[in-house]
Amino acid sequence: MASSTMTRAQLSESVYQEVGLSRNESAELVENVLDAISDTLVNGESVKISSFGSFSVRQKGERKGRNPKTGEEVPIKPRRVLVFRASNVLKQRINRSLNPARENEVSSGTS
């Protein structure tokens, strides 16, 4: 499977093609959505996108780590980390794309 990354420009182009806004309006819409998601997460709130997944920020406490090269103990400072949890709909869609023949069995009730 080829590895590829979707960029903001590609998202904007998809909005342009699907919705029919101008390219500038599409780029602005994508930026506004991403800004709204980012701002919400910075404020410590969760973001849930139905049938896609949810983003949340989790606080991790201070802990002791170990430098793998030297074996020396190193303190790891407390920090906030971003967590994404995919919805079941998204998980099923991803798994179906890996095994399309299985989709026919599941939808017809034969497993």
PDB file of N, CA and C in Angstrom:
ATOM      1  N   MET A   1       0.851  -1.171   0.000  1.00  0.00           N
ATOM      2  CA  MET A   1       0.000   0.000   0.000  1.00  0.00           C
ATOM      3  C   MET A   1       0.894   1.230   0.000  1.00  0.00           C
ATOM      4  N   ALA A   2       0.628   2.173  -0.889  1.00  0.00           N
ATOM      5  CA  ALA A   2       1.422   3.392  -0.989  1.00  0.00           C
ATOM      6  C   ALA A   2       1.140   4.300   0.197  1.00  0.00           C
ATOM      7  N   SER A   3       2.196   4.859   0.743  1.00  0.00           N
ATOM      8  CA  SER A   3       2.046   5.756   1.879  1.00  0.00           C
ATOM      9  C   SER A   3       1.938   7.183   1.366  1.00  0.00           C
ATOM     10  N   SER A   4       0.908   7.877   1.817  1.00  0.00           N
ATOM     11  CA  SER A   4       0.681   9.247   1.376  1.00  0.00           C
ATOM     12  C   SER A   4       0.071  10.033   2.522  1.00  0.00           C
ATOM     13  N   THR A   5       0.278  11.317   2.515  1.00  0.00           N
ATOM     14  CA  THR A   5      -0.272  12.188   3.539  1.00  0.00           C
ATOM     15  C   THR A   5      -1.183  13.209   2.888  1.00  0.00           C
ATOM     16  N   MET A   6      -2.368  13.395   3.450  1.00  0.00           N
ATOM     17  CA  MET A   6      -3.265  14.420   2.935  1.00  0.00           C
ATOM     18  C   MET A   6      -2.887  15.762   3.551  1.00  0.00           C
ATOM     19  N   THR A   7      -2.766  16.785   2.724  1.00  0.00           N
ATOM     20  CA  THR A   7      -2.370  18.114   3.183  1.00  0.00           C
ATOM     21  C   THR A   7      -3.574  19.047   3.263  1.00  0.00           C
ATOM     22  N   ARG A   8      -3.359  20.198   3.865  1.00  0.00           N
ATOM     23  CA  ARG A   8      -4.422  21.216   3.918  1.00  0.00           C
ATOM     24  C   ARG A   8      -4.857  21.602   2.504  1.00  0.00           C
ATOM     25  N   ALA A   9      -3.886  21.728   1.612  1.00  0.00           N
ATOM     26  CA  ALA A   9      -4.201  22.101   0.228  1.00  0.00           C
ATOM     27  C   ALA A   9      -5.091  21.050  -0.425  1.00  0.00           C
ATOM     28  N   GLN A  10      -4.819  19.779  -0.153  1.00  0.00           N
ATOM     29  CA  GLN A  10      -5.649  18.711  -0.725  1.00  0.00           C
ATOM     30  C   GLN A  10      -7.047  18.712  -0.108  1.00  0.00           C
ATOM     31  N   LEU A  11      -7.133  18.988   1.198  1.00  0.00           N
ATOM     32  CA  LEU A  11      -8.455  19.105   1.826  1.00  0.00           C
ATOM     33  C   LEU A  11      -9.243  20.253   1.192  1.00  0.00           C
ATOM     34  N   SER A  12      -8.579  21.385   1.010  1.00  0.00           N
ATOM     35  CA  SER A  12      -9.234  22.540   0.391  1.00  0.00           C
ATOM     36  C   SER A  12      -9.696  22.205  -1.019  1.00  0.00           C
ATOM     37  N   GLU A  13      -8.865  21.495  -1.765  1.00  0.00           N
ATOM     38  CA  GLU A  13      -9.223  21.108  -3.128  1.00  0.00           C
ATOM     39  C   GLU A  13     -10.436  20.173  -3.134  1.00  0.00           C
ATOM     40  N   SER A  14     -10.496  19.256  -2.158  1.00  0.00           N
ATOM     41  CA  SER A  14     -11.659  18.364  -2.049  1.00  0.00           C
ATOM     42  C   SER A  14     -12.929  19.146  -1.766  1.00  0.00           C
ATOM     43  N   VAL A  15     -12.836  20.115  -0.855  1.00  0.00           N
ATOM     44  CA  VAL A  15     -14.002  20.961  -0.555  1.00  0.00           C
ATOM     45  C   VAL A  15     -14.406  21.730  -1.808  1.00  0.00           C
ATOM     46  N   TYR A  16     -13.434  22.263  -2.519  1.00  0.00           N
ATOM     47  CA  TYR A  16     -13.696  23.008  -3.757  1.00  0.00           C
ATOM     48  C   TYR A  16     -14.457  22.135  -4.760  1.00  0.00           C
ATOM     49  N   GLN A  17     -13.998  20.890  -4.940  1.00  0.00           N
ATOM     50  CA  GLN A  17     -14.621  20.014  -5.927  1.00  0.00           C
ATOM     51  C   GLN A  17     -15.986  19.498  -5.482  1.00  0.00           C
ATOM     52  N   GLU A  18     -16.140  19.212  -4.192  1.00  0.00           N
ATOM     53  CA  GLU A  18     -17.382  18.610  -3.702  1.00  0.00           C
ATOM     54  C   GLU A  18     -18.476  19.628  -3.410  1.00  0.00           C
ATOM     55  N   VAL A  19     -18.098  20.776  -2.863  1.00  0.00           N
ATOM     56  CA  VAL A  19     -19.101  21.740  -2.395  1.00  0.00           C
ATOM     57  C   VAL A  19     -19.375  22.820  -3.433  1.00  0.00           C
ATOM     58  N   GLY A  20     -18.366  23.165  -4.199  1.00  0.00           N
ATOM     59  CA  GLY A  20     -18.579  24.170  -5.229  1.00  0.00           C
ATOM     60  C   GLY A  20     -18.235  25.582  -4.797  1.00  0.00           C
ATOM     61  N   LEU A  21     -17.606  25.735  -3.635  1.00  0.00           N
ATOM     62  CA  LEU A  21     -17.119  27.055  -3.242  1.00  0.00           C
ATOM     63  C   LEU A  21     -15.909  27.395  -4.097  1.00  0.00           C
ATOM     64  N   SER A  22     -15.513  28.667  -4.088  1.00  0.00           N
ATOM     65  CA  SER A  22     -14.293  29.034  -4.801  1.00  0.00           C
ATOM     66  C   SER A  22     -13.102  28.414  -4.076  1.00  0.00           C
ATOM     67  N   ARG A  23     -11.967  28.374  -4.746  1.00  0.00           N
ATOM     68  CA  ARG A  23     -10.774  27.797  -4.113  1.00  0.00           C
ATOM     69  C   ARG A  23     -10.402  28.580  -2.851  1.00  0.00           C
ATOM     70  N   ASN A  24     -10.496  29.904  -2.911  1.00  0.00           N
ATOM     71  CA  ASN A  24     -10.169  30.727  -1.730  1.00  0.00           C
ATOM     72  C   ASN A  24     -11.156  30.480  -0.592  1.00  0.00           C
ATOM     73  N   GLU A  25     -12.434  30.401  -0.916  1.00  0.00           N
ATOM     74  CA  GLU A  25     -13.443  30.134   0.116  1.00  0.00           C
ATOM     75  C   GLU A  25     -13.251  28.738   0.710  1.00  0.00           C
ATOM     76  N   SER A  26     -12.895  27.774  -0.128  1.00  0.00           N
ATOM     77  CA  SER A  26     -12.666  26.420   0.351  1.00  0.00           C
ATOM     78  C   SER A  26     -11.478  26.375   1.299  1.00  0.00           C
ATOM     79  N   ALA A  27     -10.395  27.056   0.941  1.00  0.00           N
ATOM     80  CA  ALA A  27      -9.207  27.106   1.801  1.00  0.00           C
ATOM     81  C   ALA A  27      -9.536  27.787   3.117  1.00  0.00           C
ATOM     82  N   GLU A  28     -10.307  28.853   3.063  1.00  0.00           N
ATOM     83  CA  GLU A  28     -10.690  29.582   4.277  1.00  0.00           C
ATOM     84  C   GLU A  28     -11.588  28.712   5.171  1.00  0.00           C
ATOM     85  N   LEU A  29     -12.500  27.969   4.576  1.00  0.00           N
ATOM     86  CA  LEU A  29     -13.376  27.085   5.334  1.00  0.00           C
ATOM     87  C   LEU A  29     -12.564  26.011   6.059  1.00  0.00           C
ATOM     88  N   VAL A  30     -11.635  25.380   5.359  1.00  0.00           N
ATOM     89  CA  VAL A  30     -10.788  24.352   5.976  1.00  0.00           C
ATOM     90  C   VAL A  30      -9.989  24.957   7.126  1.00  0.00           C
ATOM     91  N   GLU A  31      -9.403  26.127   6.913  1.00  0.00           N
ATOM     92  CA  GLU A  31      -8.630  26.794   7.970  1.00  0.00           C
ATOM     93  C   GLU A  31      -9.509  27.106   9.185  1.00  0.00           C
ATOM     94  N   ASN A  32     -10.728  27.590   8.940  1.00  0.00           N
ATOM     95  CA  ASN A  32     -11.636  27.921  10.040  1.00  0.00           C
ATOM     96  C   ASN A  32     -12.017  26.683  10.848  1.00  0.00           C
ATOM     97  N   VAL A  33     -12.271  25.575  10.169  1.00  0.00           N
ATOM     98  CA  VAL A  33     -12.622  24.333  10.861  1.00  0.00           C
ATOM     99  C   VAL A  33     -11.440  23.852  11.702  1.00  0.00           C
ATOM    100  N   LEU A  34     -10.248  23.836  11.109  1.00  0.00           N
ATOM    101  CA  LEU A  34      -9.065  23.391  11.848  1.00  0.00           C
ATOM    102  C   LEU A  34      -8.751  24.316  13.023  1.00  0.00           C
ATOM    103  N   ASP A  35      -8.937  25.621  12.824  1.00  0.00           N
ATOM    104  CA  ASP A  35      -8.728  26.576  13.929  1.00  0.00           C
ATOM    105  C   ASP A  35      -9.720  26.336  15.063  1.00  0.00           C
ATOM    106  N   ALA A  36     -10.974  26.077  14.714  1.00  0.00           N
ATOM    107  CA  ALA A  36     -11.994  25.832  15.738  1.00  0.00           C
ATOM    108  C   ALA A  36     -11.660  24.563  16.534  1.00  0.00           C
ATOM    109  N   ILE A  37     -11.226  23.522  15.844  1.00  0.00           N
ATOM    110  CA  ILE A  37     -10.837  22.283  16.525  1.00  0.00           C
ATOM    111  C   ILE A  37      -9.641  22.545  17.438  1.00  0.00           C
ATOM    112  N   SER A  38      -8.633  23.224  16.906  1.00  0.00           N
ATOM    113  CA  SER A  38      -7.422  23.522  17.692  1.00  0.00           C
ATOM    114  C   SER A  38      -7.736  24.360  18.922  1.00  0.00           C
ATOM    115  N   ASP A  39      -8.518  25.413  18.741  1.00  0.00           N
ATOM    116  CA  ASP A  39      -8.863  26.294  19.864  1.00  0.00           C
ATOM    117  C   ASP A  39      -9.607  25.543  20.958  1.00  0.00           C
ATOM    118  N   THR A  40     -10.518  24.674  20.564  1.00  0.00           N
ATOM    119  CA  THR A  40     -11.286  23.889  21.525  1.00  0.00           C
ATOM    120  C   THR A  40     -10.365  22.973  22.321  1.00  0.00           C
ATOM    121  N   LEU A  41      -9.427  22.319  21.642  1.00  0.00           N
ATOM    122  CA  LEU A  41      -8.491  21.427  22.316  1.00  0.00           C
ATOM    123  C   LEU A  41      -7.540  22.189  23.240  1.00  0.00           C
ATOM    124  N   VAL A  42      -7.084  23.357  22.809  1.00  0.00           N
ATOM    125  CA  VAL A  42      -6.200  24.182  23.645  1.00  0.00           C
ATOM    126  C   VAL A  42      -6.914  24.570  24.938  1.00  0.00           C
ATOM    127  N   ASN A  43      -8.213  24.780  24.867  1.00  0.00           N
ATOM    128  CA  ASN A  43      -9.008  25.131  26.048  1.00  0.00           C
ATOM    129  C   ASN A  43      -9.305  23.920  26.933  1.00  0.00           C
ATOM    130  N   GLY A  44      -8.810  22.746  26.546  1.00  0.00           N
ATOM    131  CA  GLY A  44      -8.991  21.554  27.352  1.00  0.00           C
ATOM    132  C   GLY A  44     -10.297  20.826  27.127  1.00  0.00           C
ATOM    133  N   GLU A  45     -11.040  21.224  26.117  1.00  0.00           N
ATOM    134  CA  GLU A  45     -12.316  20.575  25.810  1.00  0.00           C
ATOM    135  C   GLU A  45     -12.107  19.489  24.755  1.00  0.00           C
ATOM    136  N   SER A  46     -13.041  18.561  24.688  1.00  0.00           N
ATOM    137  CA  SER A  46     -12.981  17.486  23.693  1.00  0.00           C
ATOM    138  C   SER A  46     -13.708  17.904  22.422  1.00  0.00           C
ATOM    139  N   VAL A  47     -13.333  17.280  21.314  1.00  0.00           N
ATOM    140  CA  VAL A  47     -13.995  17.508  20.033  1.00  0.00           C
ATOM    141  C   VAL A  47     -14.465  16.155  19.522  1.00  0.00           C
ATOM    142  N   LYS A  48     -15.775  16.038  19.273  1.00  0.00           N
ATOM    143  CA  LYS A  48     -16.328  14.793  18.749  1.00  0.00           C
ATOM    144  C   LYS A  48     -16.919  15.062  17.375  1.00  0.00           C
ATOM    145  N   ILE A  49     -16.462  14.288  16.399  1.00  0.00           N
ATOM    146  CA  ILE A  49     -16.982  14.392  15.045  1.00  0.00           C
ATOM    147  C   ILE A  49     -17.696  13.069  14.766  1.00  0.00           C
ATOM    148  N   SER A  50     -19.001  13.140  14.684  1.00  0.00           N
ATOM    149  CA  SER A  50     -19.827  11.946  14.534  1.00  0.00           C
ATOM    150  C   SER A  50     -19.370  11.111  13.340  1.00  0.00           C
ATOM    151  N   SER A  51     -19.330   9.807  13.521  1.00  0.00           N
ATOM    152  CA  SER A  51     -18.932   8.824  12.516  1.00  0.00           C
ATOM    153  C   SER A  51     -17.463   8.946  12.107  1.00  0.00           C
ATOM    154  N   PHE A  52     -16.697   9.757  12.822  1.00  0.00           N
ATOM    155  CA  PHE A  52     -15.268   9.890  12.531  1.00  0.00           C
ATOM    156  C   PHE A  52     -14.438   9.551  13.763  1.00  0.00           C
ATOM    157  N   GLY A  53     -14.640  10.307  14.834  1.00  0.00           N
ATOM    158  CA  GLY A  53     -13.893  10.031  16.051  1.00  0.00           C
ATOM    159  C   GLY A  53     -13.905  11.223  16.986  1.00  0.00           C
ATOM    160  N   SER A  54     -13.148  11.092  18.068  1.00  0.00           N
ATOM    161  CA  SER A  54     -13.093  12.184  19.034  1.00  0.00           C
ATOM    162  C   SER A  54     -11.644  12.490  19.393  1.00  0.00           C
ATOM    163  N   PHE A  55     -11.389  13.763  19.591  1.00  0.00           N
ATOM    164  CA  PHE A  55     -10.086  14.265  20.000  1.00  0.00           C
ATOM    165  C   PHE A  55     -10.224  14.764  21.425  1.00  0.00           C
ATOM    166  N   SER A  56      -9.231  14.481  22.254  1.00  0.00           N
ATOM    167  CA  SER A  56      -9.238  15.032  23.610  1.00  0.00           C
ATOM    168  C   SER A  56      -7.797  15.251  24.043  1.00  0.00           C
ATOM    169  N   VAL A  57      -7.650  16.082  25.080  1.00  0.00           N
ATOM    170  CA  VAL A  57      -6.339  16.375  25.635  1.00  0.00           C
ATOM    171  C   VAL A  57      -6.269  15.698  26.991  1.00  0.00           C
ATOM    172  N   ARG A  58      -5.183  14.973  27.217  1.00  0.00           N
ATOM    173  CA  ARG A  58      -5.012  14.260  28.472  1.00  0.00           C
ATOM    174  C   ARG A  58      -3.773  14.790  29.179  1.00  0.00           C
ATOM    175  N   GLN A  59      -3.887  14.949  30.481  1.00  0.00           N
ATOM    176  CA  GLN A  59      -2.765  15.415  31.296  1.00  0.00           C
ATOM    177  C   GLN A  59      -1.944  14.208  31.739  1.00  0.00           C
ATOM    178  N   LYS A  60      -0.660  14.240  31.458  1.00  0.00           N
ATOM    179  CA  LYS A  60       0.230  13.177  31.920  1.00  0.00           C
ATOM    180  C   LYS A  60       1.103  13.745  33.031  1.00  0.00           C
ATOM    181  N   GLY A  61       1.214  13.005  34.088  1.00  0.00           N
ATOM    182  CA  GLY A  61       1.994  13.456  35.234  1.00  0.00           C
ATOM    183  C   GLY A  61       3.482  13.267  35.032  1.00  0.00           C
ATOM    184  N   GLU A  62       4.253  13.808  35.980  1.00  0.00           N
ATOM    185  CA  GLU A  62       5.695  13.640  35.936  1.00  0.00           C
ATOM    186  C   GLU A  62       6.036  12.177  36.219  1.00  0.00           C
ATOM    187  N   ARG A  63       7.070  11.694  35.553  1.00  0.00           N
ATOM    188  CA  ARG A  63       7.494  10.322  35.782  1.00  0.00           C
ATOM    189  C   ARG A  63       8.978  10.198  35.484  1.00  0.00           C
ATOM    190  N   LYS A  64       9.523   9.083  35.876  1.00  0.00           N
ATOM    191  CA  LYS A  64      10.931   8.842  35.609  1.00  0.00           C
ATOM    192  C   LYS A  64      11.066   7.992  34.363  1.00  0.00           C
ATOM    193  N   GLY A  65      11.931   8.437  33.481  1.00  0.00           N
ATOM    194  CA  GLY A  65      12.224   7.682  32.276  1.00  0.00           C
ATOM    195  C   GLY A  65      13.668   7.224  32.324  1.00  0.00           C
ATOM    196  N   ARG A  66      14.067   6.546  31.285  1.00  0.00           N
ATOM    197  CA  ARG A  66      15.436   6.045  31.249  1.00  0.00           C
ATOM    198  C   ARG A  66      16.017   6.309  29.863  1.00  0.00           C
ATOM    199  N   ASN A  67      17.210   6.897  29.829  1.00  0.00           N
ATOM    200  CA  ASN A  67      17.921   7.107  28.577  1.00  0.00           C
ATOM    201  C   ASN A  67      18.349   5.729  28.063  1.00  0.00           C
ATOM    202  N   PRO A  68      17.855   5.309  26.900  1.00  0.00           N
ATOM    203  CA  PRO A  68      18.160   3.960  26.427  1.00  0.00           C
ATOM    204  C   PRO A  68      19.645   3.756  26.097  1.00  0.00           C
ATOM    205  N   LYS A  69      20.322   4.833  25.777  1.00  0.00           N
ATOM    206  CA  LYS A  69      21.733   4.718  25.404  1.00  0.00           C
ATOM    207  C   LYS A  69      22.630   4.542  26.628  1.00  0.00           C
ATOM    208  N   THR A  70      22.349   5.335  27.671  1.00  0.00           N
ATOM    209  CA  THR A  70      23.227   5.316  28.855  1.00  0.00           C
ATOM    210  C   THR A  70      22.628   4.558  30.026  1.00  0.00           C
ATOM    211  N   GLY A  71      21.304   4.350  30.004  1.00  0.00           N
ATOM    212  CA  GLY A  71      20.643   3.702  31.129  1.00  0.00           C
ATOM    213  C   GLY A  71      20.375   4.651  32.291  1.00  0.00           C
ATOM    214  N   GLU A  72      20.762   5.905  32.125  1.00  0.00           N
ATOM    215  CA  GLU A  72      20.593   6.915  33.179  1.00  0.00           C
ATOM    216  C   GLU A  72      19.115   7.284  33.337  1.00  0.00           C
ATOM    217  N   GLU A  73      18.659   7.424  34.591  1.00  0.00           N
ATOM    218  CA  GLU A  73      17.283   7.863  34.845  1.00  0.00           C
ATOM    219  C   GLU A  73      17.162   9.349  34.544  1.00  0.00           C
ATOM    220  N   VAL A  74      16.076   9.697  33.892  1.00  0.00           N
ATOM    221  CA  VAL A  74      15.836  11.082  33.507  1.00  0.00           C
ATOM    222  C   VAL A  74      14.399  11.425  33.874  1.00  0.00           C
ATOM    223  N   PRO A  75      14.180  12.573  34.563  1.00  0.00           N
ATOM    224  CA  PRO A  75      12.791  12.944  34.865  1.00  0.00           C
ATOM    225  C   PRO A  75      12.073  13.442  33.605  1.00  0.00           C
ATOM    226  N   ILE A  76      10.842  12.975  33.424  1.00  0.00           N
ATOM    227  CA  ILE A  76      10.014  13.441  32.317  1.00  0.00           C
ATOM    228  C   ILE A  76       8.970  14.367  32.912  1.00  0.00           C
ATOM    229  N   LYS A  77       8.957  15.597  32.437  1.00  0.00           N
ATOM    230  CA  LYS A  77       8.081  16.628  32.999  1.00  0.00           C
ATOM    231  C   LYS A  77       6.620  16.344  32.664  1.00  0.00           C
ATOM    232  N   PRO A  78       5.714  16.863  33.511  1.00  0.00           N
ATOM    233  CA  PRO A  78       4.278  16.711  33.196  1.00  0.00           C
ATOM    234  C   PRO A  78       3.965  17.436  31.892  1.00  0.00           C
ATOM    235  N   ARG A  79       3.022  16.883  31.160  1.00  0.00           N
ATOM    236  CA  ARG A  79       2.657  17.510  29.889  1.00  0.00           C
ATOM    237  C   ARG A  79       1.241  17.092  29.498  1.00  0.00           C
ATOM    238  N   ARG A  80       0.726  17.811  28.528  1.00  0.00           N
ATOM    239  CA  ARG A  80      -0.571  17.462  27.967  1.00  0.00           C
ATOM    240  C   ARG A  80      -0.345  16.799  26.622  1.00  0.00           C
ATOM    241  N   VAL A  81      -1.106  15.751  26.352  1.00  0.00           N
ATOM    242  CA  VAL A  81      -0.974  15.038  25.082  1.00  0.00           C
ATOM    243  C   VAL A  81      -2.322  14.960  24.386  1.00  0.00           C
ATOM    244  N   LEU A  82      -2.277  14.975  23.077  1.00  0.00           N
ATOM    245  CA  LEU A  82      -3.483  14.868  22.269  1.00  0.00           C
ATOM    246  C   LEU A  82      -3.799  13.398  22.040  1.00  0.00           C
ATOM    247  N   VAL A  83      -5.059  13.038  22.244  1.00  0.00           N
ATOM    248  CA  VAL A  83      -5.504  11.664  22.062  1.00  0.00           C
ATOM    249  C   VAL A  83      -6.625  11.667  21.029  1.00  0.00           C
ATOM    250  N   PHE A  84      -6.521  10.744  20.057  1.00  0.00           N
ATOM    251  CA  PHE A  84      -7.590  10.575  19.077  1.00  0.00           C
ATOM    252  C   PHE A  84      -8.142   9.173  19.224  1.00  0.00           C
ATOM    253  N   ARG A  85      -9.444   9.085  19.284  1.00  0.00           N
ATOM    254  CA  ARG A  85     -10.099   7.784  19.353  1.00  0.00           C
ATOM    255  C   ARG A  85     -11.065   7.682  18.174  1.00  0.00           C
ATOM    256  N   ALA A  86     -10.782   6.755  17.288  1.00  0.00           N
ATOM    257  CA  ALA A  86     -11.609   6.575  16.093  1.00  0.00           C
ATOM    258  C   ALA A  86     -12.966   5.989  16.469  1.00  0.00           C
ATOM    259  N   SER A  87     -14.012   6.420  15.756  1.00  0.00           N
ATOM    260  CA  SER A  87     -15.345   5.868  15.983  1.00  0.00           C
ATOM    261  C   SER A  87     -15.412   4.461  15.404  1.00  0.00           C
ATOM    262  N   ASN A  88     -16.394   3.699  15.855  1.00  0.00           N
ATOM    263  CA  ASN A  88     -16.591   2.350  15.315  1.00  0.00           C
ATOM    264  C   ASN A  88     -16.902   2.392  13.826  1.00  0.00           C
ATOM    265  N   VAL A  89     -17.615   3.418  13.385  1.00  0.00           N
ATOM    266  CA  VAL A  89     -17.946   3.556  11.961  1.00  0.00           C
ATOM    267  C   VAL A  89     -16.661   3.691  11.144  1.00  0.00           C
ATOM    268  N   LEU A  90     -15.737   4.526  11.604  1.00  0.00           N
ATOM    269  CA  LEU A  90     -14.473   4.714  10.900  1.00  0.00           C
ATOM    270  C   LEU A  90     -13.636   3.437  10.934  1.00  0.00           C
ATOM    271  N   LYS A  91     -13.576   2.780  12.075  1.00  0.00           N
ATOM    272  CA  LYS A  91     -12.811   1.533  12.189  1.00  0.00           C
ATOM    273  C   LYS A  91     -13.347   0.483  11.214  1.00  0.00           C
ATOM    274  N   GLN A  92     -14.666   0.351  11.154  1.00  0.00           N
ATOM    275  CA  GLN A  92     -15.268  -0.633  10.250  1.00  0.00           C
ATOM    276  C   GLN A  92     -14.976  -0.289   8.789  1.00  0.00           C
ATOM    277  N   ARG A  93     -15.032   0.993   8.467  1.00  0.00           N
ATOM    278  CA  ARG A  93     -14.770   1.417   7.090  1.00  0.00           C
ATOM    279  C   ARG A  93     -13.321   1.116   6.697  1.00  0.00           C
ATOM    280  N   ILE A  94     -12.392   1.371   7.608  1.00  0.00           N
ATOM    281  CA  ILE A  94     -10.983   1.082   7.341  1.00  0.00           C
ATOM    282  C   ILE A  94     -10.773  -0.417   7.156  1.00  0.00           C
ATOM    283  N   ASN A  95     -11.367  -1.210   8.026  1.00  0.00           N
ATOM    284  CA  ASN A  95     -11.204  -2.655   7.934  1.00  0.00           C
ATOM    285  C   ASN A  95     -11.860  -3.230   6.688  1.00  0.00           C
ATOM    286  N   ARG A  96     -13.001  -2.692   6.281  1.00  0.00           N
ATOM    287  CA  ARG A  96     -13.650  -3.143   5.047  1.00  0.00           C
ATOM    288  C   ARG A  96     -12.766  -2.867   3.842  1.00  0.00           C
ATOM    289  N   SER A  97     -12.052  -1.741   3.863  1.00  0.00           N
ATOM    290  CA  SER A  97     -11.199  -1.411   2.715  1.00  0.00           C
ATOM    291  C   SER A  97     -10.043  -2.399   2.587  1.00  0.00           C
ATOM    292  N   LEU A  98      -9.671  -3.042   3.687  1.00  0.00           N
ATOM    293  CA  LEU A  98      -8.589  -4.027   3.652  1.00  0.00           C
ATOM    294  C   LEU A  98      -9.073  -5.379   3.152  1.00  0.00           C
ATOM    295  N   ASN A  99     -10.373  -5.669   3.348  1.00  0.00           N
ATOM    296  CA  ASN A  99     -10.916  -6.970   2.981  1.00  0.00           C
ATOM    297  C   ASN A  99     -12.322  -6.795   2.402  1.00  0.00           C
ATOM    298  N   PRO A 100     -12.433  -6.291   1.165  1.00  0.00           N
ATOM    299  CA  PRO A 100     -13.758  -6.019   0.589  1.00  0.00           C
ATOM    300  C   PRO A 100     -14.633  -7.263   0.449  1.00  0.00           C
ATOM    301  N   ALA A 101     -14.052  -8.442   0.284  1.00  0.00           N
ATOM    302  CA  ALA A 101     -14.844  -9.663   0.147  1.00  0.00           C
ATOM    303  C   ALA A 101     -15.600  -9.948   1.434  1.00  0.00           C
ATOM    304  N   ARG A 102     -15.022  -9.620   2.572  1.00  0.00           N
ATOM    305  CA  ARG A 102     -15.641  -9.844   3.878  1.00  0.00           C
ATOM    306  C   ARG A 102     -16.893  -8.984   4.040  1.00  0.00           C
ATOM    307  N   GLU A 103     -16.932  -7.813   3.391  1.00  0.00           N
ATOM    308  CA  GLU A 103     -18.092  -6.921   3.494  1.00  0.00           C
ATOM    309  C   GLU A 103     -19.349  -7.619   2.986  1.00  0.00           C
ATOM    310  N   ASN A 104     -19.239  -8.374   1.900  1.00  0.00           N
ATOM    311  CA  ASN A 104     -20.405  -9.077   1.360  1.00  0.00           C
ATOM    312  C   ASN A 104     -20.919 -10.108   2.334  1.00  0.00           C
ATOM    313  N   GLU A 105     -20.018 -10.810   3.024  1.00  0.00           N
ATOM    314  CA  GLU A 105     -20.432 -11.815   4.011  1.00  0.00           C
ATOM    315  C   GLU A 105     -21.160 -11.165   5.173  1.00  0.00           C
ATOM    316  N   VAL A 106     -20.627 -10.042   5.655  1.00  0.00           N
ATOM    317  CA  VAL A 106     -21.210  -9.363   6.799  1.00  0.00           C
ATOM    318  C   VAL A 106     -22.561  -8.779   6.460  1.00  0.00           C
ATOM    319  N   SER A 107     -22.680  -8.130   5.277  1.00  0.00           N
ATOM    320  CA  SER A 107     -23.950  -7.498   4.924  1.00  0.00           C
ATOM    321  C   SER A 107     -25.030  -8.515   4.585  1.00  0.00           C
ATOM    322  N   SER A 108     -24.635  -9.716   4.116  1.00  0.00           N
ATOM    323  CA  SER A 108     -25.634 -10.718   3.783  1.00  0.00           C
ATOM    324  C   SER A 108     -25.987 -11.612   4.981  1.00  0.00           C
ATOM    325  N   GLY A 109     -25.228 -11.422   6.083  1.00  0.00           N
ATOM    326  CA  GLY A 109     -25.530 -12.169   7.290  1.00  0.00           C
ATOM    327  C   GLY A 109     -24.828 -13.503   7.384  1.00  0.00           C
ATOM    328  N   THR A 110     -23.973 -13.835   6.416  1.00  0.00           N
ATOM    329  CA  THR A 110     -23.232 -15.097   6.469  1.00  0.00           C
ATOM    330  C   THR A 110     -21.824 -14.846   6.944  1.00  0.00           C
ATOM    331  N   SER A 111     -21.471 -15.432   8.050  1.00  0.00           N
ATOM    332  CA  SER A 111     -20.120 -15.271   8.583  1.00  0.00           C
ATOM    333  C   SER A 111     -19.516 -16.604   8.841  1.00  0.00           C
TER     334      SER A 111
END
